[in-house]
């Protein structure tokens, strides 16, 4: 059995899920919200492009998990979830992963005046898909460092299949910190194939499980971004790129989160395929101020959506 609720796209027809109100932003594009960031390609996300369905499995209690399915339906989203899942939990999870309540109007005002980024304002782009927990985003980010995307996907799939709780439909959630902390670095080296990241994964999981590291607090932190970045950099396995990438998933776009892929994309688009300096890239987006990281990302991914722009 499942229950279904709808998230509407206008300012009047809210959906009330046990007093949890949701609505779509004024401009919302489902495919961009899902595929505008690579997380949709990592378990426990699964995206059916032809059927326009995003599935996500997440932990709801010790050794229990649930899968929700989200798909667009005219001017709304249709969300299906198992009957045993509390409706407010389903609603808050949808809002969190799709970032429905994030205010991007200031960014869109800036992008609308830039011929190269006006498409982002027109489509409501930039709602970078994220996980149900900051811990999951933290571990996945560590798995993106210094490797190919295929290796990232393999590590995340191994973590999910090996340690994630299974739902009634057979899908698995991303593992909890407690489940990961129960394993040794050798497990991550031999079973997850995490390489040098193995010690980091074990240490970070233990820190979160023990309460020494509190990633969920970062989302609501009132620290200025530079100070919060310094806190993230204290976590083993988190360098400048990883910290700035995590900050984007926390709704802070001051940093560019430059990696080899973004540098190559920038060179191809703005520098005739010639390598350039990080300083020059930063100068290009400086006018966007605290939104510069989101401006860079939307600029570099514009061709992902060019057919619909």
Protein backbone atom coordinates (compact mmCIF):
# COMPACT_ATOMS: atom_id res chain seq x y z
CA UNK A 1 0.00 0.00 0.00
CA UNK A 2 1.10 3.55 -0.73
CA UNK A 3 -0.12 7.03 -0.05
CA UNK A 4 0.16 9.82 -2.60
CA UNK A 5 0.24 13.55 -2.12
CA UNK A 6 0.70 16.47 -4.49
CA UNK A 7 2.87 19.55 -4.29
CA UNK A 8 1.26 22.39 -6.23
CA UNK A 9 2.89 25.11 -8.28
CA UNK A 10 0.89 28.18 -7.35
CA UNK A 11 0.62 30.36 -4.28
CA UNK A 12 -2.90 29.28 -3.29
CA UNK A 13 -3.14 25.51 -3.49
CA UNK A 14 -0.81 24.28 -0.78
CA UNK A 15 -0.68 20.64 0.17
CA UNK A 16 -1.15 19.94 3.87
CA UNK A 17 0.55 16.74 4.95
CA UNK A 18 -0.15 16.51 8.67
CA UNK A 19 0.36 20.26 8.98
CA UNK A 20 3.49 20.24 6.85
CA UNK A 21 2.85 22.69 4.04
CA UNK A 22 4.66 22.43 0.74
CA UNK A 23 4.49 24.33 -2.50
CA UNK A 24 6.63 24.60 -5.57
CA UNK A 25 8.71 27.72 -6.18
CA UNK A 26 7.18 30.18 -8.69
CA UNK A 27 9.53 28.89 -11.41
CA UNK A 28 10.40 25.21 -11.10
CA UNK A 29 11.74 22.75 -13.66
CA UNK A 30 11.71 19.13 -12.53
CA UNK A 31 14.47 17.86 -14.80
CA UNK A 32 16.76 20.72 -13.88
CA UNK A 33 16.13 20.25 -10.16
CA UNK A 34 16.96 16.55 -10.48
CA UNK A 35 19.67 16.43 -13.14
CA UNK A 36 21.32 19.80 -12.53
CA UNK A 37 23.65 18.08 -10.08
CA UNK A 38 25.25 14.65 -10.34
CA UNK A 39 23.76 13.21 -7.15
CA UNK A 40 20.80 11.82 -9.14
CA UNK A 41 23.26 9.33 -10.66
CA UNK A 42 24.41 8.03 -7.26
CA UNK A 43 22.57 5.45 -5.16
CA UNK A 44 20.27 5.51 -3.33
CA UNK A 45 18.87 7.94 -5.92
CA UNK A 46 17.52 6.42 -9.12
CA UNK A 47 16.18 8.47 -12.01
CA UNK A 48 13.97 7.15 -14.81
CA UNK A 49 14.38 9.83 -17.48
CA UNK A 50 11.75 8.38 -19.82
CA UNK A 51 9.16 7.99 -17.08
CA UNK A 52 10.25 11.26 -15.40
CA UNK A 53 10.46 9.58 -11.99
CA UNK A 54 12.99 10.20 -9.25
CA UNK A 55 13.24 7.49 -6.60
CA UNK A 56 15.10 7.89 -3.35
CA UNK A 57 15.53 5.46 -0.48
CA UNK A 58 16.45 6.73 2.97
CA UNK A 59 16.70 5.48 6.54
CA UNK A 60 13.67 6.10 8.75
CA UNK A 61 14.66 4.10 11.85
CA UNK A 62 17.30 1.64 12.95
CA UNK A 63 17.67 -0.91 10.15
CA UNK A 64 14.53 0.42 8.42
CA UNK A 65 14.24 2.37 5.21
CA UNK A 66 11.60 3.72 2.84
CA UNK A 67 11.49 4.65 -0.83
CA UNK A 68 9.67 7.68 -2.17
CA UNK A 69 8.93 8.30 -5.84
CA UNK A 70 8.57 11.84 -7.20
CA UNK A 71 7.30 12.76 -10.64
CA UNK A 72 5.89 15.90 -12.29
CA UNK A 73 2.19 16.04 -13.06
CA UNK A 74 1.06 19.17 -14.92
CA UNK A 75 1.76 22.09 -12.56
CA UNK A 76 2.54 19.94 -9.55
CA UNK A 77 4.66 17.10 -8.21
CA UNK A 78 3.18 13.71 -7.43
CA UNK A 79 4.86 11.98 -4.49
CA UNK A 80 4.25 8.32 -3.69
CA UNK A 81 5.49 6.78 -0.45
CA UNK A 82 4.88 3.56 1.49
CA UNK A 83 1.92 3.63 3.83
CA UNK A 84 4.07 3.07 6.93
CA UNK A 85 6.09 6.24 6.29
CA UNK A 86 4.84 9.26 8.21
CA UNK A 87 3.46 11.86 5.85
CA UNK A 88 5.32 14.74 7.44
CA UNK A 89 8.60 12.83 7.05
CA UNK A 90 7.86 12.18 3.38
CA UNK A 91 6.98 15.83 2.80
CA UNK A 92 10.02 17.23 4.59
CA UNK A 93 12.29 14.83 2.71
CA UNK A 94 10.92 15.93 -0.66
CA UNK A 95 11.32 19.58 0.33
CA UNK A 96 14.89 18.99 1.50
CA UNK A 97 16.27 16.99 -1.42
CA UNK A 98 14.67 19.26 -4.05
CA UNK A 99 15.32 22.40 -1.97
CA UNK A 100 11.79 23.69 -2.48
CA UNK A 101 12.04 26.33 0.23
CA UNK A 102 15.39 27.81 -0.81
CA UNK A 103 15.16 31.47 -1.82
CA UNK A 104 17.11 32.11 -5.03
CA UNK A 105 15.38 35.32 -6.17
CA UNK A 106 18.50 37.42 -5.64
CA UNK A 107 20.56 35.06 -7.78
CA UNK A 108 17.92 35.03 -10.50
CA UNK A 109 17.84 38.84 -10.56
CA UNK A 110 21.59 38.85 -11.23
CA UNK A 111 21.45 35.98 -13.73
CA UNK A 112 18.57 37.58 -15.63
CA UNK A 113 20.82 40.47 -16.60
CA UNK A 114 23.55 38.19 -17.95
CA UNK A 115 22.95 36.86 -21.51
CA UNK A 116 24.91 33.73 -20.68
CA UNK A 117 22.90 32.93 -17.56
CA UNK A 118 19.45 34.32 -18.27
CA UNK A 119 18.33 30.78 -19.04
CA UNK A 120 18.94 29.84 -15.38
CA UNK A 121 16.58 32.55 -14.16
CA UNK A 122 13.99 31.56 -16.75
CA UNK A 123 14.02 27.93 -15.71
CA UNK A 124 14.53 28.34 -12.00
CA UNK A 125 17.83 26.47 -12.20
CA UNK A 126 20.33 26.00 -9.40
CA UNK A 127 18.37 23.88 -6.91
CA UNK A 128 21.22 21.39 -6.61
CA UNK A 129 19.87 17.99 -5.63
CA UNK A 130 21.04 16.89 -2.20
CA UNK A 131 20.52 13.98 0.18
CA UNK A 132 18.18 13.59 3.13
CA UNK A 133 21.08 14.12 5.54
CA UNK A 134 24.19 16.26 5.52
CA UNK A 135 26.11 13.16 6.62
CA UNK A 136 25.22 11.42 3.36
CA UNK A 137 26.32 14.47 1.38
CA UNK A 138 29.55 14.61 3.38
CA UNK A 139 30.50 11.00 2.68
CA UNK A 140 29.52 11.25 -0.98
CA UNK A 141 31.63 14.38 -1.34
CA UNK A 142 34.67 12.57 0.07
CA UNK A 143 34.00 9.90 -2.55
CA UNK A 144 34.26 12.51 -5.34
CA UNK A 145 37.78 13.64 -4.49
CA UNK A 146 40.69 12.86 -6.83
CA UNK A 147 38.93 10.23 -8.90
CA UNK A 148 36.70 9.63 -11.89
CA UNK A 149 32.91 9.81 -11.67
CA UNK A 150 32.68 6.09 -12.41
CA UNK A 151 34.82 5.34 -9.35
CA UNK A 152 32.71 7.69 -7.23
CA UNK A 153 29.61 5.85 -8.32
CA UNK A 154 31.20 2.48 -7.59
CA UNK A 155 32.22 3.49 -4.06
CA UNK A 156 28.80 4.94 -3.24
CA UNK A 157 27.04 1.88 -4.69
CA UNK A 158 29.27 -0.42 -2.62
CA UNK A 159 28.55 1.56 0.55
CA UNK A 160 24.82 1.46 -0.08
CA UNK A 161 24.65 -2.23 -0.95
CA UNK A 162 26.99 -3.34 1.84
CA UNK A 163 25.77 -1.26 4.77
CA UNK A 164 22.48 0.42 3.89
CA UNK A 165 19.17 -0.55 5.50
CA UNK A 166 16.77 -2.35 3.18
CA UNK A 167 13.19 -1.21 2.61
CA UNK A 168 10.19 -3.46 1.99
CA UNK A 169 10.59 -3.03 -1.77
CA UNK A 170 14.16 -4.30 -1.62
CA UNK A 171 15.92 -0.99 -2.21
CA UNK A 172 18.67 0.09 0.15
CA UNK A 173 19.29 3.43 1.83
CA UNK A 174 22.66 5.09 2.23
CA UNK A 175 24.25 3.77 5.44
CA UNK A 176 23.99 5.63 8.71
CA UNK A 177 27.03 6.91 10.55
CA UNK A 178 26.56 4.14 13.13
CA UNK A 179 26.58 1.43 10.47
CA UNK A 180 29.71 2.87 8.89
CA UNK A 181 31.46 3.39 12.23
CA UNK A 182 31.13 -0.32 12.98
CA UNK A 183 33.53 -1.12 10.13
CA UNK A 184 37.32 -0.83 10.04
CA UNK A 185 39.45 1.07 7.52
CA UNK A 186 40.39 -2.30 5.99
CA UNK A 187 36.73 -2.92 5.20
CA UNK A 188 36.62 0.32 3.21
CA UNK A 189 39.84 -0.56 1.44
CA UNK A 190 38.95 -4.15 0.56
CA UNK A 191 35.16 -4.13 0.19
CA UNK A 192 34.29 -0.56 -0.78
CA UNK A 193 37.48 -0.01 -2.81
CA UNK A 194 37.85 3.46 -1.33
CA UNK A 195 41.64 3.56 -1.52
CA UNK A 196 43.27 6.36 0.46
CA UNK A 197 39.80 7.56 1.51
CA UNK A 198 39.31 4.44 3.64
CA UNK A 199 40.83 5.92 6.80
CA UNK A 200 38.81 9.11 6.28
CA UNK A 201 35.52 7.23 5.89
CA UNK A 202 36.08 5.24 9.06
CA UNK A 203 37.21 8.25 11.08
CA UNK A 204 34.44 10.57 9.89
CA UNK A 205 31.75 7.94 10.52
CA UNK A 206 33.08 7.36 14.04
CA UNK A 207 33.16 11.10 14.69
CA UNK A 208 29.56 11.55 13.59
CA UNK A 209 28.31 8.45 15.41
CA UNK A 210 29.96 9.61 18.64
CA UNK A 211 28.65 13.17 18.30
CA UNK A 212 32.12 14.68 17.95
CA UNK A 213 31.23 15.83 14.41
CA UNK A 214 27.72 17.22 13.89
CA UNK A 215 27.14 17.69 10.14
CA UNK A 216 23.39 18.30 10.51
CA UNK A 217 24.16 21.41 12.54
CA UNK A 218 25.96 22.94 9.55
CA UNK A 219 22.68 23.37 7.70
CA UNK A 220 21.23 25.67 10.36
CA UNK A 221 24.51 27.29 11.39
CA UNK A 222 24.55 31.07 11.77
CA UNK A 223 28.32 31.22 11.35
CA UNK A 224 29.57 33.45 8.52
CA UNK A 225 30.52 31.31 5.53
CA UNK A 226 34.32 31.71 5.96
CA UNK A 227 34.04 30.50 9.55
CA UNK A 228 31.79 27.60 8.62
CA UNK A 229 34.24 26.66 5.89
CA UNK A 230 37.01 26.51 8.48
CA UNK A 231 34.86 24.11 10.51
CA UNK A 232 34.38 21.86 7.50
CA UNK A 233 38.10 21.88 6.77
CA UNK A 234 38.73 20.36 10.21
CA UNK A 235 37.05 17.15 9.03
CA UNK A 236 39.55 14.56 7.79
CA UNK A 237 39.29 14.12 4.03
CA UNK A 238 37.81 17.57 3.43
CA UNK A 239 39.98 20.02 1.51
CA UNK A 240 39.11 23.30 -0.18
CA UNK A 241 37.19 21.77 -3.09
CA UNK A 242 35.20 19.40 -0.86
CA UNK A 243 34.41 22.13 1.70
CA UNK A 244 33.13 24.52 -0.98
CA UNK A 245 31.12 21.74 -2.62
CA UNK A 246 29.48 20.92 0.69
CA UNK A 247 28.79 24.60 1.28
CA UNK A 248 26.83 24.69 -1.97
CA UNK A 249 24.68 21.83 -0.70
CA UNK A 250 24.18 23.84 2.50
CA UNK A 251 22.92 26.82 0.48
CA UNK A 252 26.14 28.87 0.55
CA UNK A 253 27.66 29.72 -2.81
CA UNK A 254 30.54 32.04 -1.94
CA UNK A 255 33.14 29.45 -3.03
CA UNK A 256 33.66 28.04 -6.51
CA UNK A 257 34.50 24.43 -5.54
CA UNK A 258 36.90 24.17 -8.46
CA UNK A 259 37.99 20.72 -9.54
CA UNK A 260 39.61 19.40 -12.72
CA UNK A 261 36.26 18.99 -14.47
CA UNK A 262 35.13 22.57 -13.80
CA UNK A 263 38.52 23.99 -14.78
CA UNK A 264 38.41 22.10 -18.07
CA UNK A 265 34.83 23.19 -18.75
CA UNK A 266 35.71 26.81 -18.08
CA UNK A 267 38.74 26.65 -20.37
CA UNK A 268 36.63 25.19 -23.17
CA UNK A 269 33.86 27.75 -22.85
CA UNK A 270 35.71 30.95 -21.97
CA UNK A 271 39.40 30.49 -22.74
CA UNK A 272 39.64 28.76 -26.14
CA UNK A 273 40.45 25.44 -24.50
CA UNK A 274 43.60 26.87 -22.97
CA UNK A 275 44.32 26.21 -19.28
CA UNK A 276 43.73 29.20 -17.05
CA UNK A 277 44.33 30.13 -13.45
CA UNK A 278 41.87 29.80 -10.61
CA UNK A 279 42.35 33.51 -10.02
CA UNK A 280 41.10 34.30 -13.53
CA UNK A 281 38.08 32.03 -13.09
CA UNK A 282 37.25 33.73 -9.80
CA UNK A 283 37.53 37.13 -11.44
CA UNK A 284 35.05 36.11 -14.13
CA UNK A 285 32.32 35.39 -11.54
CA UNK A 286 33.27 38.01 -8.97
CA UNK A 287 30.31 40.22 -9.89
CA UNK A 288 27.97 37.54 -8.50
CA UNK A 289 29.33 38.00 -4.98
CA UNK A 290 27.93 35.42 -2.59
CA UNK A 291 26.27 33.66 -5.54
CA UNK A 292 29.44 33.17 -7.59
CA UNK A 293 29.65 29.42 -6.99
CA UNK A 294 26.11 28.91 -8.24
CA UNK A 295 26.76 31.20 -11.22
CA UNK A 296 29.80 29.13 -12.17
CA UNK A 297 27.88 25.87 -11.84
CA UNK A 298 24.92 27.03 -13.92
CA UNK A 299 27.27 28.47 -16.54
CA UNK A 300 29.23 25.24 -16.83
CA UNK A 301 26.13 23.02 -17.03
CA UNK A 302 24.06 25.19 -19.38
CA UNK A 303 24.49 22.80 -22.31
CA UNK A 304 23.02 19.96 -20.27
CA UNK A 305 19.66 21.66 -20.79
CA UNK A 306 20.25 23.50 -24.07
CA UNK A 307 17.58 21.59 -25.98
CA UNK A 308 14.91 22.91 -23.62
CA UNK A 309 16.38 26.36 -23.01
